[in-house]
């Protein structure tokens, strides 16, 4: 066999090379169809290459997308074009999809172009998680102070109001009851904030996430989400997550309750719970030698009206809420618990399609139980610096 017979065909070699690029890369033909997509592009477009090949690029983009104009520009004047921070958010691609775009003509196929997308890196998402974590930890100090400086005086105020209620006339009794009701409300808020100050180590084990999700779904169906349709899209081969079961229930009960409240009572609406394995996601965490793998993806999707765009970047900050009577602590607590487990949470939102996505570490057998440093918390003091 000579060297020529042992060589790889140019087309095959090109495909191999493009699949090694750690950014989404697609080729669009002269008719606008996606003729090639590398592995990262499949994840980026959330579709397999076979499905992508049956669609035009414009079907994934919002109307009047600047990317379509860039493609037409390169076709008209065949030379590479780069554009930065292009918003290609759409119902099919999700919200907050701001990317750098590199468009190059393919001289061998007139009208065809190769497009490389450079999206916000997971490191940048982790930086945002650190910001959420810092905000949550500021609440930790505030909660400790409030517990001492406010709850003690409030108990005295409440006791005094109860004594007054026994001696005042009927016309003034409503005022003393107002005092006790308001002190109870403030104490309840401080109690909710106190959970942020719990710095005890997490007792983690191998947990079947599908059992947790089914438990949360049963609670929701028999209570606050009785009119909502639930869908499941589970990966049955998913390995266990290395986590605390009760805290996982707390996370997903909060997310499902938020989804149900977003949908409201005007229409039945739908909530979809999904799980998937994403082996390529690894993070560098300060203070940890090895990169941390977060291969388990858990999502809660709802068909509510969506999160306002001005709220979305701050959604996991304490006291940020879209509810008229909300405290803004629920999602901040969710972000803290996810961070305590060494995970990441993010939200994509469009009208009728909001997704909360959690990435977490998998259980690695006895190694996980003996070496908890393999799954460091993103909320440890060591990552502050």
Protein backbone atom coordinates (compact mmCIF):
# COMPACT_ATOMS: atom_id res chain seq x y z
CA UNK A 1 0.00 0.00 0.00
CA UNK A 2 1.55 3.32 -1.03
CA UNK A 3 1.28 6.64 0.78
CA UNK A 4 -1.41 7.82 -1.61
CA UNK A 5 -3.64 4.82 -0.87
CA UNK A 6 -3.13 5.29 2.87
CA UNK A 7 -4.02 8.99 2.83
CA UNK A 8 -7.25 10.49 4.08
CA UNK A 9 -9.60 12.07 1.55
CA UNK A 10 -9.49 15.89 1.68
CA UNK A 11 -13.22 16.10 2.49
CA UNK A 12 -12.80 13.66 5.36
CA UNK A 13 -9.74 15.47 6.62
CA UNK A 14 -11.60 18.80 6.57
CA UNK A 15 -14.45 17.27 8.54
CA UNK A 16 -12.00 15.83 11.10
CA UNK A 17 -10.25 19.18 11.50
CA UNK A 18 -13.49 21.15 11.89
CA UNK A 19 -14.76 18.68 14.50
CA UNK A 20 -11.65 19.29 16.60
CA UNK A 21 -12.37 23.03 16.83
CA UNK A 22 -13.83 23.83 20.23
CA UNK A 23 -16.32 26.36 18.85
CA UNK A 24 -19.51 25.88 16.83
CA UNK A 25 -18.70 25.78 13.10
CA UNK A 26 -21.22 25.39 10.28
CA UNK A 27 -21.10 25.54 6.51
CA UNK A 28 -24.03 27.16 4.71
CA UNK A 29 -24.54 26.45 0.98
CA UNK A 30 -25.63 28.86 -1.71
CA UNK A 31 -29.31 28.06 -1.05
CA UNK A 32 -28.96 28.87 2.64
CA UNK A 33 -29.08 25.28 3.93
CA UNK A 34 -26.69 24.10 6.65
CA UNK A 35 -24.53 21.57 4.79
CA UNK A 36 -22.12 20.83 7.64
CA UNK A 37 -22.10 21.23 11.43
CA UNK A 38 -19.35 20.15 13.80
CA UNK A 39 -20.03 18.58 17.19
CA UNK A 40 -20.00 21.92 19.02
CA UNK A 41 -22.49 23.33 16.53
CA UNK A 42 -24.89 20.48 17.31
CA UNK A 43 -24.85 21.51 20.98
CA UNK A 44 -25.05 25.19 20.09
CA UNK A 45 -28.12 24.74 17.87
CA UNK A 46 -29.52 21.97 20.14
CA UNK A 47 -30.06 19.73 17.12
CA UNK A 48 -28.27 16.84 15.46
CA UNK A 49 -26.35 17.38 12.22
CA UNK A 50 -29.01 15.39 10.34
CA UNK A 51 -31.74 17.76 11.53
CA UNK A 52 -29.59 20.83 10.85
CA UNK A 53 -28.97 19.65 7.28
CA UNK A 54 -32.71 19.78 6.60
CA UNK A 55 -33.02 23.40 7.71
CA UNK A 56 -31.96 26.77 6.43
CA UNK A 57 -29.84 28.90 8.72
CA UNK A 58 -32.51 31.62 8.74
CA UNK A 59 -34.98 29.24 10.42
CA UNK A 60 -32.87 29.42 13.59
CA UNK A 61 -32.45 33.20 13.56
CA UNK A 62 -34.75 36.05 14.58
CA UNK A 63 -36.28 38.13 11.79
CA UNK A 64 -33.79 40.65 10.47
CA UNK A 65 -30.84 39.00 12.20
CA UNK A 66 -27.51 40.77 11.52
CA UNK A 67 -25.95 37.35 10.88
CA UNK A 68 -28.02 36.93 7.73
CA UNK A 69 -26.78 40.33 6.52
CA UNK A 70 -23.17 39.24 7.18
CA UNK A 71 -23.65 36.09 5.11
CA UNK A 72 -25.08 38.10 2.22
CA UNK A 73 -22.17 40.56 2.48
CA UNK A 74 -19.59 37.76 2.21
CA UNK A 75 -21.43 36.23 -0.75
CA UNK A 76 -21.46 39.58 -2.55
CA UNK A 77 -17.84 40.41 -1.71
CA UNK A 78 -15.98 37.12 -1.08
CA UNK A 79 -13.67 38.03 1.79
CA UNK A 80 -13.76 37.12 5.50
CA UNK A 81 -15.86 39.26 7.84
CA UNK A 82 -15.81 39.35 11.64
CA UNK A 83 -18.39 40.97 13.89
CA UNK A 84 -18.44 41.01 17.68
CA UNK A 85 -21.23 40.78 20.23
CA UNK A 86 -23.94 39.91 17.72
CA UNK A 87 -27.30 39.12 19.34
CA UNK A 88 -28.78 36.01 17.70
CA UNK A 89 -31.28 35.26 20.48
CA UNK A 90 -34.39 33.50 19.20
CA UNK A 91 -37.03 31.02 20.42
CA UNK A 92 -34.98 28.16 18.89
CA UNK A 93 -31.57 29.29 20.15
CA UNK A 94 -32.66 30.71 23.49
CA UNK A 95 -32.16 34.02 25.23
CA UNK A 96 -28.91 35.88 25.93
CA UNK A 97 -27.19 34.37 22.87
CA UNK A 98 -24.67 37.12 22.19
CA UNK A 99 -21.74 35.80 20.16
CA UNK A 100 -18.72 36.83 18.13
CA UNK A 101 -19.11 35.73 14.51
CA UNK A 102 -16.50 34.89 11.87
CA UNK A 103 -17.79 34.39 8.31
CA UNK A 104 -15.48 33.10 5.56
CA UNK A 105 -16.28 32.35 1.89
CA UNK A 106 -15.57 28.89 0.44
CA UNK A 107 -13.90 29.50 -2.91
CA UNK A 108 -14.42 25.91 -4.10
CA UNK A 109 -18.21 26.26 -3.67
CA UNK A 110 -19.44 29.67 -4.87
CA UNK A 111 -22.09 31.10 -2.55
CA UNK A 112 -21.13 28.85 0.35
CA UNK A 113 -19.73 30.24 3.57
CA UNK A 114 -18.22 28.84 6.76
CA UNK A 115 -19.40 30.46 10.00
CA UNK A 116 -17.63 30.15 13.35
CA UNK A 117 -19.47 31.24 16.51
CA UNK A 118 -17.57 32.24 19.62
CA UNK A 119 -20.10 32.37 22.41
CA UNK A 120 -19.80 33.48 26.00
CA UNK A 121 -17.47 31.00 27.64
CA UNK A 122 -18.40 28.87 30.62
CA UNK A 123 -15.69 30.78 32.48
CA UNK A 124 -17.67 33.99 31.98
CA UNK A 125 -20.79 32.20 33.20
CA UNK A 126 -18.81 31.04 36.21
CA UNK A 127 -17.76 34.65 36.85
CA UNK A 128 -21.44 35.55 36.95
CA UNK A 129 -22.01 32.68 39.39
CA UNK A 130 -19.25 34.12 41.58
CA UNK A 131 -21.05 37.46 41.52
CA UNK A 132 -24.28 35.78 42.61
CA UNK A 133 -22.35 33.93 45.28
CA UNK A 134 -20.78 37.14 46.57
CA UNK A 135 -24.21 38.74 46.80
CA UNK A 136 -25.56 35.69 48.63
CA UNK A 137 -22.65 35.76 51.07
CA UNK A 138 -23.32 39.43 51.79
CA UNK A 139 -26.81 38.32 52.79
CA UNK A 140 -25.15 35.73 55.05
CA UNK A 141 -23.53 38.44 57.13
CA UNK A 142 -26.68 40.55 57.06
CA UNK A 143 -28.79 37.58 58.19
CA UNK A 144 -26.53 36.90 61.17
CA UNK A 145 -26.73 40.53 62.20
CA UNK A 146 -30.51 40.69 61.74
CA UNK A 147 -31.05 37.56 63.81
CA UNK A 148 -29.38 39.22 66.78
CA UNK A 149 -30.18 42.92 66.32
CA UNK A 150 -33.76 42.68 65.08
CA UNK A 151 -35.37 39.44 66.27
CA UNK A 152 -34.62 40.12 69.95
CA UNK A 153 -36.22 43.60 70.00
CA UNK A 154 -39.12 42.31 67.89
CA UNK A 155 -39.94 39.68 70.48
CA UNK A 156 -40.19 42.45 73.08
CA UNK A 157 -42.40 44.57 70.83
CA UNK A 158 -44.68 41.62 70.16
CA UNK A 159 -44.93 40.78 73.85
CA UNK A 160 -45.79 44.38 74.70
CA UNK A 161 -48.46 44.45 72.00
CA UNK A 162 -50.03 41.28 73.40
CA UNK A 163 -50.13 42.84 76.90
CA UNK A 164 -51.71 46.01 75.52
CA UNK A 165 -54.37 43.92 73.79
CA UNK A 166 -55.64 42.79 77.19
CA UNK A 167 -56.17 46.33 78.52
CA UNK A 168 -57.21 48.46 75.53
CA UNK A 169 -60.75 48.87 74.29
CA UNK A 170 -62.24 47.00 71.35
CA UNK A 171 -61.74 49.96 69.01
CA UNK A 172 -57.96 49.91 69.62
CA UNK A 173 -57.50 46.15 69.64
CA UNK A 174 -57.14 46.06 65.85
CA UNK A 175 -54.03 48.25 66.20
CA UNK A 176 -52.32 45.89 68.63
CA UNK A 177 -53.13 42.98 66.32
CA UNK A 178 -51.59 44.94 63.45
CA UNK A 179 -48.40 45.31 65.50
CA UNK A 180 -48.21 41.56 66.24
CA UNK A 181 -48.97 40.63 62.61
CA UNK A 182 -46.26 42.93 61.28
CA UNK A 183 -43.67 41.72 63.78
CA UNK A 184 -44.50 38.14 62.80
CA UNK A 185 -44.01 39.05 59.13
CA UNK A 186 -40.60 40.61 59.80
CA UNK A 187 -39.50 37.63 61.90
CA UNK A 188 -40.57 35.30 59.08
CA UNK A 189 -38.43 37.28 56.60
CA UNK A 190 -35.41 37.18 58.94
CA UNK A 191 -35.91 33.42 59.41
CA UNK A 192 -35.80 32.97 55.63
CA UNK A 193 -32.60 34.98 55.43
CA UNK A 194 -30.96 32.95 58.20
CA UNK A 195 -30.66 29.94 55.90
CA UNK A 196 -27.95 31.89 54.02
CA UNK A 197 -25.78 31.85 57.13
CA UNK A 198 -25.72 28.03 57.35
CA UNK A 199 -22.07 27.20 56.56
CA UNK A 200 -22.10 23.59 57.74
CA UNK A 201 -20.51 20.99 55.38
CA UNK A 202 -22.98 19.33 53.04
CA UNK A 203 -23.66 15.63 53.59
CA UNK A 204 -23.53 14.32 50.02
CA UNK A 205 -24.16 10.91 48.51
CA UNK A 206 -25.16 9.25 45.23
CA UNK A 207 -28.67 10.50 44.38
CA UNK A 208 -30.97 9.40 41.56
CA UNK A 209 -32.11 12.76 40.17
CA UNK A 210 -35.16 11.21 38.51
CA UNK A 211 -36.48 10.04 41.88
CA UNK A 212 -36.03 13.59 43.19
CA UNK A 213 -37.79 15.14 40.18
CA UNK A 214 -40.69 12.69 40.39
CA UNK A 215 -41.05 13.49 44.11
CA UNK A 216 -41.13 17.23 43.38
CA UNK A 217 -43.60 16.67 40.54
CA UNK A 218 -45.93 14.70 42.87
CA UNK A 219 -45.88 17.53 45.43
CA UNK A 220 -46.60 20.10 42.74
CA UNK A 221 -49.43 18.11 41.11
CA UNK A 222 -51.17 17.69 44.45
CA UNK A 223 -50.82 21.33 45.38
CA UNK A 224 -49.82 24.53 43.63
CA UNK A 225 -49.54 23.07 40.08
CA UNK A 226 -52.68 20.92 39.91
CA UNK A 227 -53.84 22.51 36.61
CA UNK A 228 -50.46 22.40 34.88
CA UNK A 229 -49.39 19.67 32.45
CA UNK A 230 -46.02 18.07 33.25
CA UNK A 231 -43.71 16.58 30.62
CA UNK A 232 -40.56 14.54 31.21
CA UNK A 233 -37.54 14.24 28.96
CA UNK A 234 -35.21 12.05 31.00
CA UNK A 235 -31.96 10.35 30.03
CA UNK A 236 -32.49 6.90 31.61
CA UNK A 237 -28.76 6.11 31.50
CA UNK A 238 -27.83 9.17 33.59
CA UNK A 239 -25.40 8.37 36.44
CA UNK A 240 -26.23 9.50 39.99
CA UNK A 241 -25.53 13.07 41.04
CA UNK A 242 -23.18 13.64 43.98
CA UNK A 243 -25.43 15.78 46.18
CA UNK A 244 -27.64 16.14 49.22
CA UNK A 245 -31.07 14.75 48.40
CA UNK A 246 -33.07 17.12 50.62
CA UNK A 247 -31.32 20.15 49.18
CA UNK A 248 -31.99 18.91 45.64
CA UNK A 249 -35.68 18.68 46.53
CA UNK A 250 -35.49 22.25 47.84
CA UNK A 251 -33.85 23.45 44.61
CA UNK A 252 -36.34 21.88 42.21
CA UNK A 253 -39.40 22.55 44.36
CA UNK A 254 -38.47 26.23 44.27
CA UNK A 255 -37.88 26.21 40.49
CA UNK A 256 -41.10 24.30 39.74
CA UNK A 257 -43.09 26.60 42.04
CA UNK A 258 -41.62 29.64 40.26
CA UNK A 259 -42.53 28.09 36.91
CA UNK A 260 -46.11 27.41 38.06
CA UNK A 261 -46.50 30.97 39.37
CA UNK A 262 -45.13 32.34 36.10
CA UNK A 263 -47.71 30.38 34.10
CA UNK A 264 -50.52 31.58 36.38
CA UNK A 265 -54.15 30.48 36.29
CA UNK A 266 -55.34 31.88 32.97
CA UNK A 267 -54.25 28.84 30.96
CA UNK A 268 -53.15 25.32 31.91
CA UNK A 269 -49.58 25.78 30.69
CA UNK A 270 -46.81 23.19 30.66
CA UNK A 271 -43.70 22.46 32.71
CA UNK A 272 -41.04 20.14 31.28
CA UNK A 273 -38.39 18.47 33.42
CA UNK A 274 -35.37 17.23 31.47
CA UNK A 275 -32.04 15.57 32.22
CA UNK A 276 -29.03 15.00 29.98
CA UNK A 277 -25.37 14.03 30.07
CA UNK A 278 -22.92 16.65 28.74
CA UNK A 279 -19.43 15.12 29.02
CA UNK A 280 -17.57 18.06 27.49
CA UNK A 281 -18.27 20.61 30.24
CA UNK A 282 -15.32 21.15 32.59
CA UNK A 283 -14.43 24.20 34.66
CA UNK A 284 -11.26 25.56 36.21
CA UNK A 285 -12.01 26.52 39.80
CA UNK A 286 -9.58 28.65 41.86
CA UNK A 287 -7.77 26.62 44.51
CA UNK A 288 -8.36 23.29 42.75
CA UNK A 289 -5.63 21.61 40.69
CA UNK A 290 -7.84 19.52 38.41
CA UNK A 291 -10.58 20.88 36.19
CA UNK A 292 -14.02 20.16 37.63
CA UNK A 293 -16.37 18.13 35.44
CA UNK A 294 -20.04 19.10 35.47
CA UNK A 295 -21.51 16.52 33.08
CA UNK A 296 -25.04 16.36 34.52
CA UNK A 297 -27.57 18.81 33.11
CA UNK A 298 -30.98 19.26 34.76
CA UNK A 299 -33.54 21.67 33.27
CA UNK A 300 -36.91 23.10 34.22
CA UNK A 301 -38.76 24.58 31.23
CA UNK A 302 -42.07 26.47 31.42
CA UNK A 303 -44.47 28.13 28.99
CA UNK A 304 -44.95 31.29 31.06
CA UNK A 305 -44.56 34.85 29.76
CA UNK A 306 -40.80 34.90 30.44
CA UNK A 307 -38.44 36.95 32.58
CA UNK A 308 -38.08 40.67 31.75
CA UNK A 309 -34.77 41.30 30.00
CA UNK A 310 -33.72 43.94 32.56
CA UNK A 311 -34.26 41.46 35.42
CA UNK A 312 -32.60 38.43 33.79
CA UNK A 313 -28.91 39.32 34.48
CA UNK A 314 -29.73 39.85 38.18
CA UNK A 315 -32.25 37.05 38.61
CA UNK A 316 -30.18 35.14 41.20
CA UNK A 317 -29.26 38.21 43.25
CA UNK A 318 -30.95 38.59 46.66
CA UNK A 319 -34.10 40.76 46.80
CA UNK A 320 -34.58 40.67 43.00
CA UNK A 321 -38.10 39.51 42.14
CA UNK A 322 -40.86 39.96 39.57
CA UNK A 323 -43.61 38.97 42.03
CA UNK A 324 -45.69 41.74 43.63
CA UNK A 325 -45.33 40.24 47.11
CA UNK A 326 -42.09 38.31 46.61
CA UNK A 327 -39.08 38.62 48.89
CA UNK A 328 -36.52 37.90 46.15
CA UNK A 329 -34.72 35.30 48.25
CA UNK A 330 -35.91 32.04 46.66
CA UNK A 331 -33.70 32.02 43.56
CA UNK A 332 -30.77 33.52 45.50
CA UNK A 333 -31.01 30.54 47.86
CA UNK A 334 -31.23 28.14 44.90
CA UNK A 335 -28.05 29.68 43.42
CA UNK A 336 -26.29 29.36 46.79
CA UNK A 337 -27.22 25.68 47.19
CA UNK A 338 -26.15 24.88 43.61
CA UNK A 339 -22.87 26.70 44.23
CA UNK A 340 -22.38 24.84 47.52
CA UNK A 341 -22.52 21.62 45.47
CA UNK A 342 -19.89 22.90 43.02
CA UNK A 343 -22.51 23.44 40.31
CA UNK A 344 -23.66 26.22 38.00
CA UNK A 345 -27.17 27.55 37.33
CA UNK A 346 -28.28 29.78 34.48
CA UNK A 347 -31.53 30.97 32.95
CA UNK A 348 -32.57 31.48 29.32
CA UNK A 349 -35.90 33.20 28.81
CA UNK A 350 -38.18 34.01 25.91
CA UNK A 351 -41.96 34.45 25.95
CA UNK A 352 -43.50 30.99 26.45
CA UNK A 353 -40.08 29.36 26.82
CA UNK A 354 -38.11 29.92 30.03
CA UNK A 355 -35.41 27.42 30.98
CA UNK A 356 -33.52 27.09 34.24
CA UNK A 357 -30.44 24.95 33.56
CA UNK A 358 -28.31 23.39 36.31
CA UNK A 359 -24.94 21.70 35.73
CA UNK A 360 -23.68 19.47 38.54
CA UNK A 361 -20.99 16.85 39.23
CA UNK A 362 -21.69 13.13 38.89
CA UNK A 363 -21.05 10.57 41.62
CA UNK A 364 -17.79 8.72 40.98
CA UNK A 365 -18.22 5.77 43.30
CA UNK A 366 -16.17 5.42 46.46
CA UNK A 367 -13.80 8.05 45.12
CA UNK A 368 -16.49 10.71 45.50
CA UNK A 369 -17.19 9.82 49.12
CA UNK A 370 -13.50 9.70 50.10
CA UNK A 371 -12.39 12.75 48.16
CA UNK A 372 -14.91 15.55 48.54
CA UNK A 373 -12.27 17.97 47.25
CA UNK A 374 -12.90 16.50 43.81
CA UNK A 375 -16.19 18.41 43.85
CA UNK A 376 -15.33 21.77 45.46
CA UNK A 377 -17.99 24.21 46.50
CA UNK A 378 -18.13 27.40 44.49
CA UNK A 379 -19.11 29.08 47.73
CA UNK A 380 -15.93 28.36 49.70
CA UNK A 381 -13.77 31.10 51.09
CA UNK A 382 -10.85 29.92 48.98
CA UNK A 383 -12.55 30.98 45.75
CA UNK A 384 -13.04 34.54 46.86
CA UNK A 385 -9.54 35.66 46.08
